[in-house]
Amino acid sequence: DSLNIYPIKQFTGGTVDACNDHRIVMAAAIAATRSTAPVTIIGCEAVNKSYPSFFDDFRKLGGEVIFSE
């Protein structure tokens, strides 16, 4: 088994289903900082498992977060 990772300059936005995995939420949020369009993360509450203040800290570092119902 292997994993090949190819660098890109930026992402183009989209939707990420975190599948209740806090690691996917955090990775998607960081990747969104290099996106040319909005990124929607489904299930972002999963960060509460390991890093409940993640989005507060993300904002403090300049990240933009909009929670919607």
Protein backbone atom coordinates (compact mmCIF):
# COMPACT_ATOMS: atom_id res chain seq x y z
CA ASP A 1 0.00 0.00 0.00
CA SER A 2 1.11 3.53 -0.64
CA LEU A 3 -0.05 7.11 -0.74
CA ASN A 4 1.13 9.56 -3.38
CA ILE A 5 0.77 13.25 -2.60
CA TYR A 6 1.21 15.80 -5.35
CA PRO A 7 1.47 19.47 -4.37
CA ILE A 8 -0.88 22.06 -5.77
CA LYS A 9 -0.79 25.84 -5.43
CA GLN A 10 -4.41 26.17 -4.34
CA PHE A 11 -7.73 24.41 -3.97
CA THR A 12 -10.88 25.45 -5.77
CA GLY A 13 -13.42 25.03 -2.95
CA GLY A 14 -16.08 22.43 -2.40
CA THR A 15 -17.59 20.27 0.30
CA VAL A 16 -15.83 17.89 2.68
CA ASP A 17 -17.74 15.26 4.65
CA ALA A 18 -15.68 14.76 7.79
CA CYS A 19 -17.34 11.40 8.50
CA ASN A 20 -17.25 12.25 12.23
CA ASP A 21 -13.42 12.36 12.13
CA HIS A 22 -11.84 15.33 13.91
CA ARG A 23 -8.62 14.94 11.91
CA ILE A 24 -10.46 15.39 8.62
CA VAL A 25 -12.18 18.52 9.95
CA MET A 26 -8.90 20.13 10.97
CA ALA A 27 -7.10 19.13 7.78
CA ALA A 28 -9.94 20.48 5.64
CA ALA A 29 -10.00 23.77 7.54
CA ILE A 30 -6.28 24.24 7.02
CA ALA A 31 -6.54 23.27 3.35
CA ALA A 32 -9.37 25.79 2.96
CA THR A 33 -6.91 28.59 3.69
CA ARG A 34 -5.41 27.85 0.26
CA SER A 35 -8.72 27.75 -1.58
CA THR A 36 -9.99 30.19 -4.18
CA ALA A 37 -13.61 29.48 -3.21
CA PRO A 38 -15.47 28.59 0.00
CA VAL A 39 -15.05 25.17 1.57
CA THR A 40 -17.97 23.62 3.44
CA ILE A 41 -17.12 21.06 6.11
CA ILE A 42 -19.96 18.73 7.05
CA GLY A 43 -19.67 17.46 10.61
CA CYS A 44 -17.24 20.09 11.89
CA GLU A 45 -18.42 19.43 15.46
CA ALA A 46 -16.16 16.35 15.44
CA VAL A 47 -13.27 18.60 16.55
CA ASN A 48 -14.83 18.59 20.00
CA LYS A 49 -13.36 15.11 20.50
CA SER A 50 -9.78 16.30 20.65
CA TYR A 51 -9.56 20.09 20.24
CA PRO A 52 -12.78 21.87 21.25
CA SER A 53 -11.23 25.32 20.81
CA PHE A 54 -9.88 24.56 17.32
CA PHE A 55 -12.11 27.03 15.48
CA ASP A 56 -11.51 29.75 18.10
CA ASP A 57 -7.77 29.33 17.59
CA PHE A 58 -8.24 29.10 13.82
CA ARG A 59 -9.98 32.49 13.88
CA LYS A 60 -7.23 33.98 16.05
CA LEU A 61 -4.76 32.99 13.35
CA GLY A 62 -6.83 34.73 10.68
CA GLY A 63 -9.07 31.91 9.51
CA GLU A 64 -12.65 32.70 8.56
CA VAL A 65 -15.35 30.48 10.01
CA ILE A 66 -19.09 30.70 9.36
CA PHE A 67 -21.31 28.19 11.14
CA SER A 68 -24.71 27.51 9.62
CA GLU A 69 -27.60 25.26 10.48
